N, C-alpha and C. Protein backbone atom coordinates (compact mmCIF):
# COMPACT_ATOMS: atom_id res chain seq x y z
N MET A 1 100.80 252.44 -10.00
CA MET A 1 99.93 252.04 -8.93
C MET A 1 98.45 251.19 -9.43
N ASP A 2 98.33 250.09 -9.09
CA ASP A 2 97.05 249.27 -9.26
C ASP A 2 95.70 249.91 -8.49
N THR A 3 94.89 250.37 -9.08
CA THR A 3 93.68 250.89 -8.68
C THR A 3 92.52 249.82 -8.97
N ASP A 4 93.01 248.52 -9.36
CA ASP A 4 91.48 247.75 -9.43
C ASP A 4 91.81 246.60 -8.68
N THR A 5 91.33 247.06 -7.10
CA THR A 5 91.49 246.28 -5.99
C THR A 5 90.14 245.28 -5.90
N GLU A 6 90.15 244.10 -5.76
CA GLU A 6 89.00 243.40 -5.47
C GLU A 6 89.02 243.06 -3.89
N ILE A 7 88.18 243.30 -2.79
CA ILE A 7 87.91 243.24 -2.13
C ILE A 7 87.06 242.22 -1.48
N GLY A 8 86.38 241.77 -2.69
CA GLY A 8 85.42 240.80 -2.29
C GLY A 8 84.19 241.23 -1.61
N GLU A 9 83.65 240.70 -0.89
CA GLU A 9 82.30 240.84 -0.12
C GLU A 9 82.82 241.70 1.28
N VAL A 10 82.02 243.21 1.44
CA VAL A 10 82.34 244.08 2.52
C VAL A 10 81.94 242.91 3.60
N GLN A 11 82.86 242.70 4.53
CA GLN A 11 82.40 242.09 5.97
C GLN A 11 82.42 243.28 6.98
N SER A 12 82.83 244.19 7.02
CA SER A 12 82.58 245.23 8.17
C SER A 12 83.18 246.67 7.27
N ILE A 13 82.45 247.79 7.81
CA ILE A 13 82.97 249.14 7.90
C ILE A 13 83.21 249.75 8.77
N GLU A 14 84.41 250.41 8.97
CA GLU A 14 84.70 251.12 10.34
C GLU A 14 85.10 252.62 9.70
N GLN A 15 84.79 253.45 10.58
CA GLN A 15 85.18 255.15 10.71
C GLN A 15 85.76 255.34 11.70
N LEU A 16 87.40 255.68 11.51
CA LEU A 16 88.43 256.23 12.45
C LEU A 16 87.58 257.91 12.87
N ASP A 17 88.50 258.09 14.17
CA ASP A 17 88.25 259.38 14.56
C ASP A 17 88.59 260.39 13.44
N ASP A 18 89.84 260.16 12.97
CA ASP A 18 90.65 261.13 12.09
C ASP A 18 90.05 260.99 10.61
N GLY A 19 88.87 260.27 10.36
CA GLY A 19 87.90 260.35 9.13
C GLY A 19 88.48 259.25 8.20
N THR A 20 89.27 258.43 8.53
CA THR A 20 89.92 257.35 7.63
C THR A 20 88.66 256.17 7.58
N ILE A 21 88.36 255.82 6.59
CA ILE A 21 87.13 254.68 6.45
C ILE A 21 87.72 253.36 6.26
N ILE A 22 87.71 252.48 6.72
CA ILE A 22 88.32 251.17 6.95
C ILE A 22 87.39 249.71 6.21
N LEU A 23 87.38 249.35 4.96
CA LEU A 23 86.52 248.58 4.69
C LEU A 23 87.15 247.21 4.59
N GLU A 24 86.81 246.19 5.43
CA GLU A 24 87.21 245.19 5.41
C GLU A 24 86.42 244.12 4.62
N GLY A 25 87.23 243.26 3.62
CA GLY A 25 86.63 242.67 2.76
C GLY A 25 86.97 241.04 2.71
N GLU A 26 86.24 240.09 2.12
CA GLU A 26 86.61 238.84 2.20
C GLU A 26 88.27 238.57 1.82
N SER A 27 89.23 239.14 0.94
CA SER A 27 90.15 239.17 0.34
C SER A 27 91.08 240.06 1.17
N GLU A 28 90.71 241.26 1.48
CA GLU A 28 91.58 242.20 1.81
C GLU A 28 91.00 243.35 2.56
N ALA A 29 91.68 244.11 3.39
CA ALA A 29 91.09 245.56 3.51
C ALA A 29 91.53 246.61 2.91
N LEU A 30 90.72 247.49 2.68
CA LEU A 30 91.14 248.77 1.97
C LEU A 30 90.71 250.06 3.07
N GLY A 31 91.77 250.61 3.16
CA GLY A 31 92.01 251.97 4.21
C GLY A 31 91.90 253.25 3.28
N PHE A 32 91.00 254.39 3.62
CA PHE A 32 91.48 255.58 2.98
C PHE A 32 90.53 256.62 3.76
N ARG A 33 91.17 257.87 3.53
CA ARG A 33 90.89 259.02 4.35
C ARG A 33 89.98 259.98 3.42
N ILE A 34 89.11 260.25 4.12
CA ILE A 34 88.10 261.05 3.32
C ILE A 34 87.78 262.53 4.26
N THR A 35 87.83 263.68 4.09
CA THR A 35 87.90 264.61 4.80
C THR A 35 86.34 265.68 4.65
N ASP A 36 85.63 265.13 3.90
CA ASP A 36 84.31 265.69 3.26
C ASP A 36 83.42 264.86 4.13
N GLU A 37 82.81 265.16 5.13
CA GLU A 37 81.80 264.70 6.12
C GLU A 37 80.82 263.88 5.23
N ASP A 38 80.00 264.85 4.83
CA ASP A 38 78.96 264.33 3.86
C ASP A 38 79.26 263.37 2.87
N LEU A 39 80.62 263.09 2.27
CA LEU A 39 80.81 262.37 1.40
C LEU A 39 81.29 260.79 2.22
N GLN A 40 81.53 260.93 3.51
CA GLN A 40 81.63 259.77 4.55
C GLN A 40 80.65 259.40 4.65
N GLU A 41 79.49 260.23 5.07
CA GLU A 41 78.03 259.07 5.07
C GLU A 41 77.47 258.61 4.01
N SER A 42 77.75 259.73 2.90
CA SER A 42 77.21 258.72 2.01
C SER A 42 78.01 257.35 1.23
N LEU A 43 79.05 257.52 1.62
CA LEU A 43 79.90 256.20 1.26
C LEU A 43 79.51 255.36 1.94
N ILE A 44 79.53 255.64 3.46
CA ILE A 44 79.04 254.39 4.56
C ILE A 44 77.81 253.97 4.22
N LYS A 45 76.61 254.80 3.73
CA LYS A 45 75.02 254.36 3.46
C LYS A 45 75.59 253.68 2.22
N ALA A 46 76.12 253.86 1.35
CA ALA A 46 76.10 253.37 -0.03
C ALA A 46 76.64 251.51 0.07
N VAL A 47 77.74 251.48 1.09
CA VAL A 47 78.36 250.29 1.30
C VAL A 47 77.35 249.33 2.03
N GLN A 48 76.84 249.94 3.01
CA GLN A 48 75.72 249.40 4.04
C GLN A 48 74.39 248.74 2.99
N ASN A 49 74.32 249.55 2.13
CA ASN A 49 72.91 249.15 1.36
C ASN A 49 73.33 248.39 -0.15
N THR A 50 74.51 248.10 -0.05
CA THR A 50 75.11 247.52 -1.34
C THR A 50 74.33 245.70 -1.65
N ASP A 51 73.78 245.29 -2.32
CA ASP A 51 73.22 244.03 -2.32
C ASP A 51 74.44 243.46 -3.48
N PRO A 52 75.07 242.39 -2.68
CA PRO A 52 76.15 241.68 -3.63
C PRO A 52 75.48 240.82 -4.60
N TYR A 53 74.46 240.78 -4.75
CA TYR A 53 73.71 239.91 -5.94
C TYR A 53 72.93 240.83 -6.84
């Protein structure tokens, strides 16, 4: 399995009711499920605060 996924600049981040987090990037979308709520919040904050430059 290729784990080096290049999604480009993140366009949006969405959290579904079941804990799945969807990152929509320029080139492709990435979805994954995280069950730890603290980790979910940390990840969303990190993505929202990322400066692409």
